[in-house]
Every structure is written in structure tokens, then in C-alpha cells.
Amino acid sequence: MPARAQTVGLGLAQAKNCIACHTVDRQRVGPAFKAVAQRFAGHDGAVDYLAHSIRSGGGGRWGAIPMPAQPQVSETEARELAKWILSLADADAKK
């Protein structure tokens, strides 16, 4: 993924306060974005699934602490965040 897209994705994650619970490289309250990317890399429908999870929240997939719904994130923004998160698996594969 181009550097601009990486910056936009991280910027969106910062603007929507995703980084309050997640970081790119390590677990905080929630899983690291790279861990999410690795779990869902190559799965059909991963963008839609992650975008839905961002907006609707969920629990039990990463431990005891549930992810609260993020309705302030638009559907378009959720899809962009999901694409960016998934791109982190691609970035690791290229190293």
C-alpha cells in the first residue's frame, strides 16, 4: 500500500480515537492492528466483516473485554479503516 494510504489510515484511526484502545504493533486494551490484519488476511469478506465490527462492536473474539460500538465512524470510514488494517498484513509480508 502506498505511503499516503498508510498515513491516511493512521490519521483516520487517530481522528476516530481508535488508538485509545489499539496500537499498530502491540496489544493495548484491544489487539494490535497488525494482529487483526494477520488473523483476517486473505479472508473473503474481511473488509466488510471488520467494517461492521468497527461500527457495531463485539466481544469474545480477542478476550474478555468487548469492543464498544463506534457509531460516530461512518460506513465509508469504517471500510477505509478496515482496508488500512488489512494492509498491515501485506506490509509485514513484504519485509
C-alpha atoms as a PDB file:
ATOM      1  CA  MET A   1       0.000   0.000   0.000  1.00  0.00           C
ATOM      2  CA  PRO A   2       1.381   3.447  -0.849  1.00  0.00           C
ATOM      3  CA  ALA A   3       2.798   5.568   1.956  1.00  0.00           C
ATOM      4  CA  ARG A   4      -0.008   8.131   1.528  1.00  0.00           C
ATOM      5  CA  ALA A   5      -2.642   5.462   2.159  1.00  0.00           C
ATOM      6  CA  GLN A   6      -0.765   4.333   5.263  1.00  0.00           C
ATOM      7  CA  THR A   7      -0.714   7.917   6.544  1.00  0.00           C
ATOM      8  CA  VAL A   8      -4.406   8.420   5.763  1.00  0.00           C
ATOM      9  CA  GLY A   9      -5.299   5.153   7.516  1.00  0.00           C
ATOM     10  CA  LEU A  10      -3.315   6.004  10.624  1.00  0.00           C
ATOM     11  CA  GLY A  11      -4.666   9.550  10.561  1.00  0.00           C
ATOM     12  CA  LEU A  12      -8.227   8.250  10.400  1.00  0.00           C
ATOM     13  CA  ALA A  13      -7.527   5.844  13.278  1.00  0.00           C
ATOM     14  CA  GLN A  14      -6.205   8.763  15.298  1.00  0.00           C
ATOM     15  CA  ALA A  15      -9.083  11.067  14.360  1.00  0.00           C
ATOM     16  CA  LYS A  16     -11.702   8.472  15.299  1.00  0.00           C
ATOM     17  CA  ASN A  17      -9.877   7.690  18.571  1.00  0.00           C
ATOM     18  CA  CYS A  18      -9.197   4.052  17.666  1.00  0.00           C
ATOM     19  CA  ILE A  19      -5.756   4.482  19.172  1.00  0.00           C
ATOM     20  CA  ALA A  20      -7.275   4.908  22.619  1.00  0.00           C
ATOM     21  CA  CYS A  21      -7.568   1.107  22.691  1.00  0.00           C
ATOM     22  CA  HIS A  22      -5.404  -0.131  19.791  1.00  0.00           C
ATOM     23  CA  THR A  23      -1.879   0.423  18.513  1.00  0.00           C
ATOM     24  CA  VAL A  24      -0.308  -0.756  15.292  1.00  0.00           C
ATOM     25  CA  ASP A  25       2.268  -3.108  16.824  1.00  0.00           C
ATOM     26  CA  ARG A  26       1.195  -4.189  20.301  1.00  0.00           C
ATOM     27  CA  GLN A  27      -1.868  -5.011  22.324  1.00  0.00           C
ATOM     28  CA  ARG A  28      -3.282  -2.267  24.462  1.00  0.00           C
ATOM     29  CA  VAL A  29      -6.895  -2.685  25.605  1.00  0.00           C
ATOM     30  CA  GLY A  30      -7.698  -4.289  22.270  1.00  0.00           C
ATOM     31  CA  PRO A  31      -5.492  -6.242  19.889  1.00  0.00           C
ATOM     32  CA  ALA A  32      -2.777  -4.632  17.802  1.00  0.00           C
ATOM     33  CA  PHE A  33      -3.937  -3.668  14.332  1.00  0.00           C
ATOM     34  CA  LYS A  34      -1.243  -5.950  12.896  1.00  0.00           C
ATOM     35  CA  ALA A  35      -2.658  -8.910  14.852  1.00  0.00           C
ATOM     36  CA  VAL A  36      -6.100  -8.195  13.413  1.00  0.00           C
ATOM     37  CA  ALA A  37      -4.583  -7.928   9.938  1.00  0.00           C
ATOM     38  CA  GLN A  38      -2.806 -11.260  10.298  1.00  0.00           C
ATOM     39  CA  ARG A  39      -5.937 -13.017  11.574  1.00  0.00           C
ATOM     40  CA  PHE A  40      -8.090 -11.836   8.668  1.00  0.00           C
ATOM     41  CA  ALA A  41      -5.527 -11.596   5.840  1.00  0.00           C
ATOM     42  CA  GLY A  42      -6.767 -13.307   2.704  1.00  0.00           C
ATOM     43  CA  HIS A  43     -10.265 -13.999   4.035  1.00  0.00           C
ATOM     44  CA  ASP A  44     -13.120 -13.280   1.657  1.00  0.00           C
ATOM     45  CA  GLY A  45     -15.311 -10.535   3.055  1.00  0.00           C
ATOM     46  CA  ALA A  46     -12.721  -9.379   5.590  1.00  0.00           C
ATOM     47  CA  VAL A  47     -13.212  -5.679   4.787  1.00  0.00           C
ATOM     48  CA  ASP A  48     -16.978  -5.932   5.256  1.00  0.00           C
ATOM     49  CA  TYR A  49     -16.608  -8.011   8.420  1.00  0.00           C
ATOM     50  CA  LEU A  50     -14.123  -5.636  10.029  1.00  0.00           C
ATOM     51  CA  ALA A  51     -16.053  -2.528   8.977  1.00  0.00           C
ATOM     52  CA  HIS A  52     -19.188  -3.997  10.540  1.00  0.00           C
ATOM     53  CA  SER A  53     -17.253  -4.881  13.720  1.00  0.00           C
ATOM     54  CA  ILE A  54     -15.891  -1.341  13.963  1.00  0.00           C
ATOM     55  CA  ARG A  55     -19.347   0.218  13.779  1.00  0.00           C
ATOM     56  CA  SER A  56     -21.274  -2.434  15.735  1.00  0.00           C
ATOM     57  CA  GLY A  57     -18.687  -3.519  18.293  1.00  0.00           C
ATOM     58  CA  GLY A  58     -18.326  -7.062  19.516  1.00  0.00           C
ATOM     59  CA  GLY A  59     -16.831  -9.304  22.101  1.00  0.00           C
ATOM     60  CA  GLY A  60     -15.273 -12.645  22.758  1.00  0.00           C
ATOM     61  CA  ARG A  61     -13.007 -12.748  19.722  1.00  0.00           C
ATOM     62  CA  TRP A  62      -9.937 -11.234  21.391  1.00  0.00           C
ATOM     63  CA  GLY A  63     -10.515 -11.796  25.086  1.00  0.00           C
ATOM     64  CA  ALA A  64     -12.859 -10.737  27.828  1.00  0.00           C
ATOM     65  CA  ILE A  65     -13.025  -7.012  27.080  1.00  0.00           C
ATOM     66  CA  PRO A  66     -15.659  -6.234  24.422  1.00  0.00           C
ATOM     67  CA  MET A  67     -15.183  -3.604  21.767  1.00  0.00           C
ATOM     68  CA  PRO A  68     -17.876  -0.957  22.085  1.00  0.00           C
ATOM     69  CA  ALA A  69     -19.815   0.106  19.003  1.00  0.00           C
ATOM     70  CA  GLN A  70     -18.367   3.115  17.190  1.00  0.00           C
ATOM     71  CA  PRO A  71     -21.428   4.711  15.538  1.00  0.00           C
ATOM     72  CA  GLN A  72     -19.552   8.005  15.051  1.00  0.00           C
ATOM     73  CA  VAL A  73     -17.483   6.208  12.399  1.00  0.00           C
ATOM     74  CA  SER A  74     -19.330   6.349   9.086  1.00  0.00           C
ATOM     75  CA  GLU A  75     -19.685   3.242   6.931  1.00  0.00           C
ATOM     76  CA  THR A  76     -17.199   4.707   4.456  1.00  0.00           C
ATOM     77  CA  GLU A  77     -14.699   5.490   7.208  1.00  0.00           C
ATOM     78  CA  ALA A  78     -15.116   2.013   8.697  1.00  0.00           C
ATOM     79  CA  ARG A  79     -14.350   0.454   5.300  1.00  0.00           C
ATOM     80  CA  GLU A  80     -11.272   2.676   4.913  1.00  0.00           C
ATOM     81  CA  LEU A  81     -10.081   1.720   8.385  1.00  0.00           C
ATOM     82  CA  ALA A  82     -10.651  -1.968   7.632  1.00  0.00           C
ATOM     83  CA  LYS A  83      -8.698  -1.726   4.365  1.00  0.00           C
ATOM     84  CA  TRP A  84      -5.849   0.036   6.138  1.00  0.00           C
ATOM     85  CA  ILE A  85      -5.773  -2.525   8.953  1.00  0.00           C
ATOM     86  CA  LEU A  86      -5.682  -5.386   6.435  1.00  0.00           C
ATOM     87  CA  SER A  87      -2.879  -3.631   4.533  1.00  0.00           C
ATOM     88  CA  LEU A  88      -0.687  -4.026   7.616  1.00  0.00           C
ATOM     89  CA  ALA A  89      -0.514  -7.792   6.969  1.00  0.00           C
ATOM     90  CA  ASP A  90       0.652  -7.058   3.419  1.00  0.00           C
ATOM     91  CA  ALA A  91       3.328  -4.700   4.733  1.00  0.00           C
ATOM     92  CA  ASP A  92       4.692  -7.406   7.052  1.00  0.00           C
ATOM     93  CA  ALA A  93       4.684  -9.993   4.257  1.00  0.00           C
ATOM     94  CA  LYS A  94       6.873  -7.723   2.089  1.00  0.00           C
ATOM     95  CA  LYS A  95       9.581  -7.438   4.745  1.00  0.00           C
END
